[in-house]
Amino acid sequence: TLARHFEKETGLSFRQWRQQARLI
């Protein structure tokens, strides 16, 4: 459920979002 909500609200999977946060 969290994965579904996360991708719906950010347009990214949780893994993709975390990677970009670390990249920044």
mmCIF file of all heavy atoms, coordinates in Angstrom:
data_MODEL
# 
_entry.id   MODEL 
# 
loop_
_atom_site.group_PDB 
_atom_site.id 
_atom_site.type_symbol 
_atom_site.label_atom_id 
_atom_site.label_alt_id 
_atom_site.label_comp_id 
_atom_site.label_asym_id 
_atom_site.label_entity_id 
_atom_site.label_seq_id 
_atom_site.pdbx_PDB_ins_code 
_atom_site.Cartn_x 
_atom_site.Cartn_y 
_atom_site.Cartn_z 
_atom_site.occupancy 
_atom_site.B_iso_or_equiv 
_atom_site.pdbx_formal_charge 
_atom_site.auth_seq_id 
_atom_site.auth_comp_id 
_atom_site.auth_asym_id 
_atom_site.auth_atom_id 
_atom_site.pdbx_PDB_model_num 
ATOM 1   N N   . THR A 1 1  ? 0.834  -1.208 0.000   1.00 0.00 ? 1  THR A N   1 
ATOM 2   C CA  . THR A 1 1  ? 0.000  0.000  0.000   1.00 0.00 ? 1  THR A CA  1 
ATOM 3   C C   . THR A 1 1  ? 0.865  1.253  0.000   1.00 0.00 ? 1  THR A C   1 
ATOM 4   O O   . THR A 1 1  ? 0.605  2.209  -0.727  1.00 0.00 ? 1  THR A O   1 
ATOM 5   C CB  . THR A 1 1  ? -0.931 0.008  1.223   1.00 0.00 ? 1  THR A CB  1 
ATOM 6   O OG1 . THR A 1 1  ? -1.787 -1.133 1.160   1.00 0.00 ? 1  THR A OG1 1 
ATOM 7   C CG2 . THR A 1 1  ? -1.772 1.273  1.248   1.00 0.00 ? 1  THR A CG2 1 
ATOM 8   N N   . LEU A 1 2  ? 1.918  1.248  0.819   1.00 0.00 ? 2  LEU A N   1 
ATOM 9   C CA  . LEU A 1 2  ? 2.811  2.402  0.869   1.00 0.00 ? 2  LEU A CA  1 
ATOM 10  C C   . LEU A 1 2  ? 3.489  2.622  -0.479  1.00 0.00 ? 2  LEU A C   1 
ATOM 11  O O   . LEU A 1 2  ? 3.592  3.763  -0.949  1.00 0.00 ? 2  LEU A O   1 
ATOM 12  C CB  . LEU A 1 2  ? 3.871  2.205  1.961   1.00 0.00 ? 2  LEU A CB  1 
ATOM 13  C CG  . LEU A 1 2  ? 4.937  3.311  2.064   1.00 0.00 ? 2  LEU A CG  1 
ATOM 14  C CD1 . LEU A 1 2  ? 4.289  4.668  2.290   1.00 0.00 ? 2  LEU A CD1 1 
ATOM 15  C CD2 . LEU A 1 2  ? 5.935  2.989  3.170   1.00 0.00 ? 2  LEU A CD2 1 
ATOM 16  N N   . ALA A 1 3  ? 3.936  1.547  -1.095  1.00 0.00 ? 3  ALA A N   1 
ATOM 17  C CA  . ALA A 1 3  ? 4.597  1.673  -2.398  1.00 0.00 ? 3  ALA A CA  1 
ATOM 18  C C   . ALA A 1 3  ? 3.654  2.273  -3.433  1.00 0.00 ? 3  ALA A C   1 
ATOM 19  O O   . ALA A 1 3  ? 4.051  3.123  -4.242  1.00 0.00 ? 3  ALA A O   1 
ATOM 20  C CB  . ALA A 1 3  ? 5.090  0.300  -2.866  1.00 0.00 ? 3  ALA A CB  1 
ATOM 21  N N   . ARG A 1 4  ? 2.395  1.848  -3.384  1.00 0.00 ? 4  ARG A N   1 
ATOM 22  C CA  . ARG A 1 4  ? 1.413  2.371  -4.338  1.00 0.00 ? 4  ARG A CA  1 
ATOM 23  C C   . ARG A 1 4  ? 1.171  3.861  -4.110  1.00 0.00 ? 4  ARG A C   1 
ATOM 24  O O   . ARG A 1 4  ? 1.163  4.654  -5.058  1.00 0.00 ? 4  ARG A O   1 
ATOM 25  C CB  . ARG A 1 4  ? 0.112  1.579  -4.221  1.00 0.00 ? 4  ARG A CB  1 
ATOM 26  C CG  . ARG A 1 4  ? -0.920 1.969  -5.284  1.00 0.00 ? 4  ARG A CG  1 
ATOM 27  C CD  . ARG A 1 4  ? -2.118 1.036  -5.262  1.00 0.00 ? 4  ARG A CD  1 
ATOM 28  N NE  . ARG A 1 4  ? -2.867 1.111  -4.006  1.00 0.00 ? 4  ARG A NE  1 
ATOM 29  C CZ  . ARG A 1 4  ? -2.881 0.153  -3.088  1.00 0.00 ? 4  ARG A CZ  1 
ATOM 30  N NH1 . ARG A 1 4  ? -2.199 -0.965 -3.274  1.00 0.00 ? 4  ARG A NH1 1 
ATOM 31  N NH2 . ARG A 1 4  ? -3.591 0.291  -1.976  1.00 0.00 ? 4  ARG A NH2 1 
ATOM 32  N N   . HIS A 1 5  ? 0.988  4.253  -2.845  1.00 0.00 ? 5  HIS A N   1 
ATOM 33  C CA  . HIS A 1 5  ? 0.751  5.671  -2.539  1.00 0.00 ? 5  HIS A CA  1 
ATOM 34  C C   . HIS A 1 5  ? 1.980  6.516  -2.871  1.00 0.00 ? 5  HIS A C   1 
ATOM 35  O O   . HIS A 1 5  ? 1.856  7.637  -3.377  1.00 0.00 ? 5  HIS A O   1 
ATOM 36  C CB  . HIS A 1 5  ? 0.408  5.842  -1.056  1.00 0.00 ? 5  HIS A CB  1 
ATOM 37  C CG  . HIS A 1 5  ? -0.995 5.440  -0.712  1.00 0.00 ? 5  HIS A CG  1 
ATOM 38  N ND1 . HIS A 1 5  ? -2.093 5.945  -1.362  1.00 0.00 ? 5  HIS A ND1 1 
ATOM 39  C CD2 . HIS A 1 5  ? -1.471 4.572  0.225   1.00 0.00 ? 5  HIS A CD2 1 
ATOM 40  C CE1 . HIS A 1 5  ? -3.183 5.412  -0.853  1.00 0.00 ? 5  HIS A CE1 1 
ATOM 41  N NE2 . HIS A 1 5  ? -2.841 4.575  0.114   1.00 0.00 ? 5  HIS A NE2 1 
ATOM 42  N N   . PHE A 1 6  ? 3.153  5.969  -2.589  1.00 0.00 ? 6  PHE A N   1 
ATOM 43  C CA  . PHE A 1 6  ? 4.389  6.708  -2.815  1.00 0.00 ? 6  PHE A CA  1 
ATOM 44  C C   . PHE A 1 6  ? 4.558  7.031  -4.297  1.00 0.00 ? 6  PHE A C   1 
ATOM 45  O O   . PHE A 1 6  ? 4.846  8.178  -4.673  1.00 0.00 ? 6  PHE A O   1 
ATOM 46  C CB  . PHE A 1 6  ? 5.585  5.897  -2.318  1.00 0.00 ? 6  PHE A CB  1 
ATOM 47  C CG  . PHE A 1 6  ? 6.807  6.721  -2.038  1.00 0.00 ? 6  PHE A CG  1 
ATOM 48  C CD1 . PHE A 1 6  ? 7.078  7.160  -0.755  1.00 0.00 ? 6  PHE A CD1 1 
ATOM 49  C CD2 . PHE A 1 6  ? 7.690  7.060  -3.048  1.00 0.00 ? 6  PHE A CD2 1 
ATOM 50  C CE1 . PHE A 1 6  ? 8.191  7.931  -0.480  1.00 0.00 ? 6  PHE A CE1 1 
ATOM 51  C CE2 . PHE A 1 6  ? 8.807  7.838  -2.790  1.00 0.00 ? 6  PHE A CE2 1 
ATOM 52  C CZ  . PHE A 1 6  ? 9.057  8.271  -1.502  1.00 0.00 ? 6  PHE A CZ  1 
ATOM 53  N N   . GLU A 1 7  ? 4.353  6.040  -5.144  1.00 0.00 ? 7  GLU A N   1 
ATOM 54  C CA  . GLU A 1 7  ? 4.515  6.265  -6.580  1.00 0.00 ? 7  GLU A CA  1 
ATOM 55  C C   . GLU A 1 7  ? 3.422  7.163  -7.137  1.00 0.00 ? 7  GLU A C   1 
ATOM 56  O O   . GLU A 1 7  ? 3.665  7.987  -8.020  1.00 0.00 ? 7  GLU A O   1 
ATOM 57  C CB  . GLU A 1 7  ? 4.545  4.933  -7.323  1.00 0.00 ? 7  GLU A CB  1 
ATOM 58  C CG  . GLU A 1 7  ? 4.893  5.075  -8.788  1.00 0.00 ? 7  GLU A CG  1 
ATOM 59  C CD  . GLU A 1 7  ? 5.411  3.790  -9.396  1.00 0.00 ? 7  GLU A CD  1 
ATOM 60  O OE1 . GLU A 1 7  ? 5.492  2.764  -8.673  1.00 0.00 ? 7  GLU A OE1 1 
ATOM 61  O OE2 . GLU A 1 7  ? 5.734  3.796  -10.592 1.00 0.00 ? 7  GLU A OE2 1 
ATOM 62  N N   . LYS A 1 8  ? 2.208  7.034  -6.594  1.00 0.00 ? 8  LYS A N   1 
ATOM 63  C CA  . LYS A 1 8  ? 1.110  7.873  -7.062  1.00 0.00 ? 8  LYS A CA  1 
ATOM 64  C C   . LYS A 1 8  ? 1.364  9.348  -6.774  1.00 0.00 ? 8  LYS A C   1 
ATOM 65  O O   . LYS A 1 8  ? 1.078  10.230 -7.585  1.00 0.00 ? 8  LYS A O   1 
ATOM 66  C CB  . LYS A 1 8  ? -0.206 7.432  -6.414  1.00 0.00 ? 8  LYS A CB  1 
ATOM 67  C CG  . LYS A 1 8  ? -1.418 8.246  -6.854  1.00 0.00 ? 8  LYS A CG  1 
ATOM 68  C CD  . LYS A 1 8  ? -2.683 7.745  -6.168  1.00 0.00 ? 8  LYS A CD  1 
ATOM 69  C CE  . LYS A 1 8  ? -3.898 8.568  -6.588  1.00 0.00 ? 8  LYS A CE  1 
ATOM 70  N NZ  . LYS A 1 8  ? -5.142 8.087  -5.912  1.00 0.00 ? 8  LYS A NZ  1 
ATOM 71  N N   . GLU A 1 9  ? 1.939  9.644  -5.597  1.00 0.00 ? 9  GLU A N   1 
ATOM 72  C CA  . GLU A 1 9  ? 2.118  11.040 -5.182  1.00 0.00 ? 9  GLU A CA  1 
ATOM 73  C C   . GLU A 1 9  ? 3.405  11.670 -5.688  1.00 0.00 ? 9  GLU A C   1 
ATOM 74  O O   . GLU A 1 9  ? 3.487  12.892 -5.824  1.00 0.00 ? 9  GLU A O   1 
ATOM 75  C CB  . GLU A 1 9  ? 2.062  11.141 -3.651  1.00 0.00 ? 9  GLU A CB  1 
ATOM 76  C CG  . GLU A 1 9  ? 0.697  10.823 -3.077  1.00 0.00 ? 9  GLU A CG  1 
ATOM 77  C CD  . GLU A 1 9  ? 0.550  11.292 -1.640  1.00 0.00 ? 9  GLU A CD  1 
ATOM 78  O OE1 . GLU A 1 9  ? 1.161  12.309 -1.275  1.00 0.00 ? 9  GLU A OE1 1 
ATOM 79  O OE2 . GLU A 1 9  ? -0.188 10.628 -0.881  1.00 0.00 ? 9  GLU A OE2 1 
ATOM 80  N N   . THR A 1 10 ? 4.442  10.863 -5.957  1.00 0.00 ? 10 THR A N   1 
ATOM 81  C CA  . THR A 1 10 ? 5.724  11.433 -6.391  1.00 0.00 ? 10 THR A CA  1 
ATOM 82  C C   . THR A 1 10 ? 6.059  11.129 -7.848  1.00 0.00 ? 10 THR A C   1 
ATOM 83  O O   . THR A 1 10 ? 6.916  11.788 -8.431  1.00 0.00 ? 10 THR A O   1 
ATOM 84  C CB  . THR A 1 10 ? 6.883  10.916 -5.523  1.00 0.00 ? 10 THR A CB  1 
ATOM 85  O OG1 . THR A 1 10 ? 7.057  9.504  -5.755  1.00 0.00 ? 10 THR A OG1 1 
ATOM 86  C CG2 . THR A 1 10 ? 6.614  11.165 -4.042  1.00 0.00 ? 10 THR A CG2 1 
ATOM 87  N N   . GLY A 1 11 ? 5.391  10.112 -8.422  1.00 0.00 ? 11 GLY A N   1 
ATOM 88  C CA  . GLY A 1 11 ? 5.733  9.714  -9.787  1.00 0.00 ? 11 GLY A CA  1 
ATOM 89  C C   . GLY A 1 11 ? 6.962  8.819  -9.857  1.00 0.00 ? 11 GLY A C   1 
ATOM 90  O O   . GLY A 1 11 ? 7.383  8.424  -10.944 1.00 0.00 ? 11 GLY A O   1 
ATOM 91  N N   . LEU A 1 12 ? 7.539  8.497  -8.702  1.00 0.00 ? 12 LEU A N   1 
ATOM 92  C CA  . LEU A 1 12 ? 8.719  7.635  -8.638  1.00 0.00 ? 12 LEU A CA  1 
ATOM 93  C C   . LEU A 1 12 ? 8.458  6.482  -7.689  1.00 0.00 ? 12 LEU A C   1 
ATOM 94  O O   . LEU A 1 12 ? 7.686  6.611  -6.739  1.00 0.00 ? 12 LEU A O   1 
ATOM 95  C CB  . LEU A 1 12 ? 9.934  8.415  -8.127  1.00 0.00 ? 12 LEU A CB  1 
ATOM 96  C CG  . LEU A 1 12 ? 10.419 9.612  -8.943  1.00 0.00 ? 12 LEU A CG  1 
ATOM 97  C CD1 . LEU A 1 12 ? 11.531 10.326 -8.194  1.00 0.00 ? 12 LEU A CD1 1 
ATOM 98  C CD2 . LEU A 1 12 ? 10.888 9.187  -10.322 1.00 0.00 ? 12 LEU A CD2 1 
ATOM 99  N N   . SER A 1 13 ? 9.130  5.365  -7.944  1.00 0.00 ? 13 SER A N   1 
ATOM 100 C CA  . SER A 1 13 ? 9.081  4.287  -6.966  1.00 0.00 ? 13 SER A CA  1 
ATOM 101 C C   . SER A 1 13 ? 9.878  4.720  -5.736  1.00 0.00 ? 13 SER A C   1 
ATOM 102 O O   . SER A 1 13 ? 10.696 5.652  -5.796  1.00 0.00 ? 13 SER A O   1 
ATOM 103 C CB  . SER A 1 13 ? 9.689  3.009  -7.546  1.00 0.00 ? 13 SER A CB  1 
ATOM 104 O OG  . SER A 1 13 ? 11.089 3.154  -7.706  1.00 0.00 ? 13 SER A OG  1 
ATOM 105 N N   . PHE A 1 14 ? 9.651  4.045  -4.623  1.00 0.00 ? 14 PHE A N   1 
ATOM 106 C CA  . PHE A 1 14 ? 10.389 4.371  -3.406  1.00 0.00 ? 14 PHE A CA  1 
ATOM 107 C C   . PHE A 1 14 ? 11.890 4.258  -3.641  1.00 0.00 ? 14 PHE A C   1 
ATOM 108 O O   . PHE A 1 14 ? 12.665 5.128  -3.225  1.00 0.00 ? 14 PHE A O   1 
ATOM 109 C CB  . PHE A 1 14 ? 9.967  3.442  -2.270  1.00 0.00 ? 14 PHE A CB  1 
ATOM 110 C CG  . PHE A 1 14 ? 10.802 3.584  -1.030  1.00 0.00 ? 14 PHE A CG  1 
ATOM 111 C CD1 . PHE A 1 14 ? 10.603 4.641  -0.159  1.00 0.00 ? 14 PHE A CD1 1 
ATOM 112 C CD2 . PHE A 1 14 ? 11.814 2.665  -0.749  1.00 0.00 ? 14 PHE A CD2 1 
ATOM 113 C CE1 . PHE A 1 14 ? 11.385 4.782  0.981   1.00 0.00 ? 14 PHE A CE1 1 
ATOM 114 C CE2 . PHE A 1 14 ? 12.596 2.800  0.389   1.00 0.00 ? 14 PHE A CE2 1 
ATOM 115 C CZ  . PHE A 1 14 ? 12.374 3.869  1.247   1.00 0.00 ? 14 PHE A CZ  1 
ATOM 116 N N   . ARG A 1 15 ? 12.318 3.217  -4.327  1.00 0.00 ? 15 ARG A N   1 
ATOM 117 C CA  . ARG A 1 15 ? 13.747 3.013  -4.579  1.00 0.00 ? 15 ARG A CA  1 
ATOM 118 C C   . ARG A 1 15 ? 14.321 4.138  -5.437  1.00 0.00 ? 15 ARG A C   1 
ATOM 119 O O   . ARG A 1 15 ? 15.411 4.645  -5.152  1.00 0.00 ? 15 ARG A O   1 
ATOM 120 C CB  . ARG A 1 15 ? 13.956 1.666  -5.273  1.00 0.00 ? 15 ARG A CB  1 
ATOM 121 C CG  . ARG A 1 15 ? 15.412 1.318  -5.544  1.00 0.00 ? 15 ARG A CG  1 
ATOM 122 C CD  . ARG A 1 15 ? 15.535 -0.056 -6.170  1.00 0.00 ? 15 ARG A CD  1 
ATOM 123 N NE  . ARG A 1 15 ? 16.909 -0.392 -6.439  1.00 0.00 ? 15 ARG A NE  1 
ATOM 124 C CZ  . ARG A 1 15 ? 17.305 -1.517 -6.999  1.00 0.00 ? 15 ARG A CZ  1 
ATOM 125 N NH1 . ARG A 1 15 ? 16.405 -2.438 -7.348  1.00 0.00 ? 15 ARG A NH1 1 
ATOM 126 N NH2 . ARG A 1 15 ? 18.585 -1.759 -7.228  1.00 0.00 ? 15 ARG A NH2 1 
ATOM 127 N N   . GLN A 1 16 ? 13.594 4.533  -6.494  1.00 0.00 ? 16 GLN A N   1 
ATOM 128 C CA  . GLN A 1 16 ? 14.065 5.627  -7.347  1.00 0.00 ? 16 GLN A CA  1 
ATOM 129 C C   . GLN A 1 16 ? 14.156 6.931  -6.560  1.00 0.00 ? 16 GLN A C   1 
ATOM 130 O O   . GLN A 1 16 ? 15.124 7.685  -6.703  1.00 0.00 ? 16 GLN A O   1 
ATOM 131 C CB  . GLN A 1 16 ? 13.116 5.807  -8.529  1.00 0.00 ? 16 GLN A CB  1 
ATOM 132 C CG  . GLN A 1 16 ? 13.151 4.693  -9.549  1.00 0.00 ? 16 GLN A CG  1 
ATOM 133 C CD  . GLN A 1 16 ? 12.038 4.840  -10.568 1.00 0.00 ? 16 GLN A CD  1 
ATOM 134 O OE1 . GLN A 1 16 ? 10.925 5.282  -10.252 1.00 0.00 ? 16 GLN A OE1 1 
ATOM 135 N NE2 . GLN A 1 16 ? 12.325 4.462  -11.801 1.00 0.00 ? 16 GLN A NE2 1 
ATOM 136 N N   . TRP A 1 17 ? 13.146 7.199  -5.727  1.00 0.00 ? 17 TRP A N   1 
ATOM 137 C CA  . TRP A 1 17 ? 13.126 8.449  -4.968  1.00 0.00 ? 17 TRP A CA  1 
ATOM 138 C C   . TRP A 1 17 ? 14.291 8.502  -3.979  1.00 0.00 ? 17 TRP A C   1 
ATOM 139 O O   . TRP A 1 17 ? 14.975 9.516  -3.865  1.00 0.00 ? 17 TRP A O   1 
ATOM 140 C CB  . TRP A 1 17 ? 11.796 8.578  -4.231  1.00 0.00 ? 17 TRP A CB  1 
ATOM 141 C CG  . TRP A 1 17 ? 11.541 9.948  -3.693  1.00 0.00 ? 17 TRP A CG  1 
ATOM 142 C CD1 . TRP A 1 17 ? 10.822 10.945 -4.272  1.00 0.00 ? 17 TRP A CD1 1 
ATOM 143 C CD2 . TRP A 1 17 ? 12.033 10.486 -2.447  1.00 0.00 ? 17 TRP A CD2 1 
ATOM 144 N NE1 . TRP A 1 17 ? 10.830 12.066 -3.472  1.00 0.00 ? 17 TRP A NE1 1 
ATOM 145 C CE2 . TRP A 1 17 ? 11.565 11.815 -2.350  1.00 0.00 ? 17 TRP A CE2 1 
ATOM 146 C CE3 . TRP A 1 17 ? 12.812 9.978  -1.416  1.00 0.00 ? 17 TRP A CE3 1 
ATOM 147 C CZ2 . TRP A 1 17 ? 11.846 12.639 -1.262  1.00 0.00 ? 17 TRP A CZ2 1 
ATOM 148 C CZ3 . TRP A 1 17 ? 13.114 10.797 -0.334  1.00 0.00 ? 17 TRP A CZ3 1 
ATOM 149 C CH2 . TRP A 1 17 ? 12.624 12.113 -0.256  1.00 0.00 ? 17 TRP A CH2 1 
ATOM 150 N N   . ARG A 1 18 ? 14.522 7.405  -3.283  1.00 0.00 ? 18 ARG A N   1 
ATOM 151 C CA  . ARG A 1 18 ? 15.609 7.373  -2.298  1.00 0.00 ? 18 ARG A CA  1 
ATOM 152 C C   . ARG A 1 18 ? 16.958 7.550  -2.991  1.00 0.00 ? 18 ARG A C   1 
ATOM 153 O O   . ARG A 1 18 ? 17.843 8.242  -2.478  1.00 0.00 ? 18 ARG A O   1 
ATOM 154 C CB  . ARG A 1 18 ? 15.586 6.057  -1.518  1.00 0.00 ? 18 ARG A CB  1 
ATOM 155 C CG  . ARG A 1 18 ? 16.624 6.012  -0.395  1.00 0.00 ? 18 ARG A CG  1 
ATOM 156 C CD  . ARG A 1 18 ? 16.534 4.729  0.391   1.00 0.00 ? 18 ARG A CD  1 
ATOM 157 N NE  . ARG A 1 18 ? 16.767 3.562  -0.447  1.00 0.00 ? 18 ARG A NE  1 
ATOM 158 C CZ  . ARG A 1 18 ? 16.797 2.310  -0.003  1.00 0.00 ? 18 ARG A CZ  1 
ATOM 159 N NH1 . ARG A 1 18 ? 16.561 2.072  1.267   1.00 0.00 ? 18 ARG A NH1 1 
ATOM 160 N NH2 . ARG A 1 18 ? 17.014 1.319  -0.821  1.00 0.00 ? 18 ARG A NH2 1 
ATOM 161 N N   . GLN A 1 19 ? 17.122 6.952  -4.172  1.00 0.00 ? 19 GLN A N   1 
ATOM 162 C CA  . GLN A 1 19 ? 18.378 7.104  -4.900  1.00 0.00 ? 19 GLN A CA  1 
ATOM 163 C C   . GLN A 1 19 ? 18.609 8.566  -5.281  1.00 0.00 ? 19 GLN A C   1 
ATOM 164 O O   . GLN A 1 19 ? 19.732 9.082  -5.174  1.00 0.00 ? 19 GLN A O   1 
ATOM 165 C CB  . GLN A 1 19 ? 18.383 6.242  -6.168  1.00 0.00 ? 19 GLN A CB  1 
ATOM 166 C CG  . GLN A 1 19 ? 19.636 6.437  -7.020  1.00 0.00 ? 19 GLN A CG  1 
ATOM 167 C CD  . GLN A 1 19 ? 19.664 5.527  -8.225  1.00 0.00 ? 19 GLN A CD  1 
ATOM 168 O OE1 . GLN A 1 19 ? 19.804 4.312  -8.091  1.00 0.00 ? 19 GLN A OE1 1 
ATOM 169 N NE2 . GLN A 1 19 ? 19.517 6.106  -9.416  1.00 0.00 ? 19 GLN A NE2 1 
ATOM 170 N N   . GLN A 1 20 ? 17.538 9.264  -5.720  1.00 0.00 ? 20 GLN A N   1 
ATOM 171 C CA  . GLN A 1 20 ? 17.694 10.662 -6.097  1.00 0.00 ? 20 GLN A CA  1 
ATOM 172 C C   . GLN A 1 20 ? 17.981 11.536 -4.887  1.00 0.00 ? 20 GLN A C   1 
ATOM 173 O O   . GLN A 1 20 ? 18.745 12.502 -4.979  1.00 0.00 ? 20 GLN A O   1 
ATOM 174 C CB  . GLN A 1 20 ? 16.465 11.150 -6.872  1.00 0.00 ? 20 GLN A CB  1 
ATOM 175 C CG  . GLN A 1 20 ? 16.413 10.545 -8.251  1.00 0.00 ? 20 GLN A CG  1 
ATOM 176 C CD  . GLN A 1 20 ? 15.341 11.115 -9.157  1.00 0.00 ? 20 GLN A CD  1 
ATOM 177 O OE1 . GLN A 1 20 ? 14.980 10.500 -10.136 1.00 0.00 ? 20 GLN A OE1 1 
ATOM 178 N NE2 . GLN A 1 20 ? 14.831 12.278 -8.852  1.00 0.00 ? 20 GLN A NE2 1 
ATOM 179 N N   . ALA A 1 21 ? 17.371 11.218 -3.748  1.00 0.00 ? 21 ALA A N   1 
ATOM 180 C CA  . ALA A 1 21 ? 17.668 11.962 -2.522  1.00 0.00 ? 21 ALA A CA  1 
ATOM 181 C C   . ALA A 1 21 ? 19.142 11.803 -2.158  1.00 0.00 ? 21 ALA A C   1 
ATOM 182 O O   . ALA A 1 21 ? 19.810 12.772 -1.762  1.00 0.00 ? 21 ALA A O   1 
ATOM 183 C CB  . ALA A 1 21 ? 16.782 11.479 -1.384  1.00 0.00 ? 21 ALA A CB  1 
ATOM 184 N N   . ARG A 1 22 ? 19.666 10.606 -2.311  1.00 0.00 ? 22 ARG A N   1 
ATOM 185 C CA  . ARG A 1 22 ? 21.074 10.374 -2.006  1.00 0.00 ? 22 ARG A CA  1 
ATOM 186 C C   . ARG A 1 22 ? 21.979 11.048 -3.034  1.00 0.00 ? 22 ARG A C   1 
ATOM 187 O O   . ARG A 1 22 ? 23.057 11.551 -2.695  1.00 0.00 ? 22 ARG A O   1 
ATOM 188 C CB  . ARG A 1 22 ? 21.350 8.865  -1.957  1.00 0.00 ? 22 ARG A CB  1 
ATOM 189 C CG  . ARG A 1 22 ? 20.765 8.192  -0.729  1.00 0.00 ? 22 ARG A CG  1 
ATOM 190 C CD  . ARG A 1 22 ? 21.022 6.706  -0.724  1.00 0.00 ? 22 ARG A CD  1 
ATOM 191 N NE  . ARG A 1 22 ? 20.629 6.107  0.548   1.00 0.00 ? 22 ARG A NE  1 
ATOM 192 C CZ  . ARG A 1 22 ? 20.695 4.803  0.808   1.00 0.00 ? 22 ARG A CZ  1 
ATOM 193 N NH1 . ARG A 1 22 ? 21.137 3.962  -0.117  1.00 0.00 ? 22 ARG A NH1 1 
ATOM 194 N NH2 . ARG A 1 22 ? 20.324 4.345  1.986   1.00 0.00 ? 22 ARG A NH2 1 
ATOM 195 N N   . LEU A 1 23 ? 21.536 11.076 -4.289  1.00 0.00 ? 23 LEU A N   1 
ATOM 196 C CA  . LEU A 1 23 ? 22.322 11.723 -5.332  1.00 0.00 ? 23 LEU A CA  1 
ATOM 197 C C   . LEU A 1 23 ? 22.456 13.219 -5.058  1.00 0.00 ? 23 LEU A C   1 
ATOM 198 O O   . LEU A 1 23 ? 23.526 13.812 -5.217  1.00 0.00 ? 23 LEU A O   1 
ATOM 199 C CB  . LEU A 1 23 ? 21.679 11.485 -6.695  1.00 0.00 ? 23 LEU A CB  1 
ATOM 200 C CG  . LEU A 1 23 ? 22.398 12.084 -7.896  1.00 0.00 ? 23 LEU A CG  1 
ATOM 201 C CD1 . LEU A 1 23 ? 23.790 11.486 -8.043  1.00 0.00 ? 23 LEU A CD1 1 
ATOM 202 C CD2 . LEU A 1 23 ? 21.583 11.872 -9.162  1.00 0.00 ? 23 LEU A CD2 1 
ATOM 203 N N   . ILE A 1 24 ? 21.359 13.839 -4.622  1.00 0.00 ? 24 ILE A N   1 
ATOM 204 C CA  . ILE A 1 24 ? 21.397 15.264 -4.303  1.00 0.00 ? 24 ILE A CA  1 
ATOM 205 C C   . ILE A 1 24 ? 22.370 15.526 -3.157  1.00 0.00 ? 24 ILE A C   1 
ATOM 206 O O   . ILE A 1 24 ? 23.160 16.472 -3.191  1.00 0.00 ? 24 ILE A O   1 
ATOM 207 C CB  . ILE A 1 24 ? 19.979 15.764 -3.960  1.00 0.00 ? 24 ILE A CB  1 
ATOM 208 C CG1 . ILE A 1 24 ? 19.138 15.844 -5.242  1.00 0.00 ? 24 ILE A CG1 1 
ATOM 209 C CG2 . ILE A 1 24 ? 20.010 17.112 -3.249  1.00 0.00 ? 24 ILE A CG2 1 
ATOM 210 C CD1 . ILE A 1 24 ? 17.686 16.163 -5.013  1.00 0.00 ? 24 ILE A CD1 1 
# 
